[in-house]
């Protein structure tokens, strides 16, 4: 009888929207949105989080009908999409930098299939992303994502229309950073590659018998790897700083 008394329209609607919010965030947030994680695991995790947070979640206050319920579900999915896209942009910056580095190193043809994104990416892109995933776990990024969703429950009511203009302004301001930071991360190797090309051109001008394909390219790749080993720590430091900054912006928008 106690369980039956809880099955009121308000409680059922609140739990449904709460489950949709957690499920939507788990579908779009980095790490949790990986397709290698079975869908049933994500659904079970979202259901468990919904049960855990239901007692402290404010109940819905809008009139319960089919139209309002549809708008509430659409709002929850859209909110998760915008937040997930904002956080995934930081990972995309690393992919962009890796693409530039792979181009100058001659690794653009060495592509592998990324099952998480369903795209073909370079080996360096996969390497950068997986190192970034380790850094993401090291500063508790997965915990921050759950905390972000939990924080939204008290500041953004379930089914409410959120301020989409704030997200629009964020993406508008952040898109230039996508290219600036991506190029900045790849610049040391791009500069060394350009410098080595100039040196090889001078050598070939003075020594026509110098074989660039046999000798020059392996040296160029070796130098790029040495520079990459020297700057990989700084690159991940920039990634961590940018990720925390985006988290702060998302907290301020939602809170």
Foldseek 3Di string as FASTA:
>chain_A
DVVVVCPDPQLVLQLVLQLLLQLLLLCQAPPSVFPVPDSVVSSVVSNVVSVVCSVVFDTDDDDDDDVLSVLLSVQSNVLSNLLSVLLVLLLVLLQLLQCVLCVLLVQQVQWDADRRVRDIGTPSSVVLNVVLVVVCVVVPVVVLSVVLSSLLRVQPPRSDHADVVLSVVVCVVCVVVSVVLSCVLNVVLVVLSVVLVVVVVVVCVVPVVDDCVVPVSVVSNVVSVVVCVVCVVVNSVVSVVSSVVSSVSSSVRSD
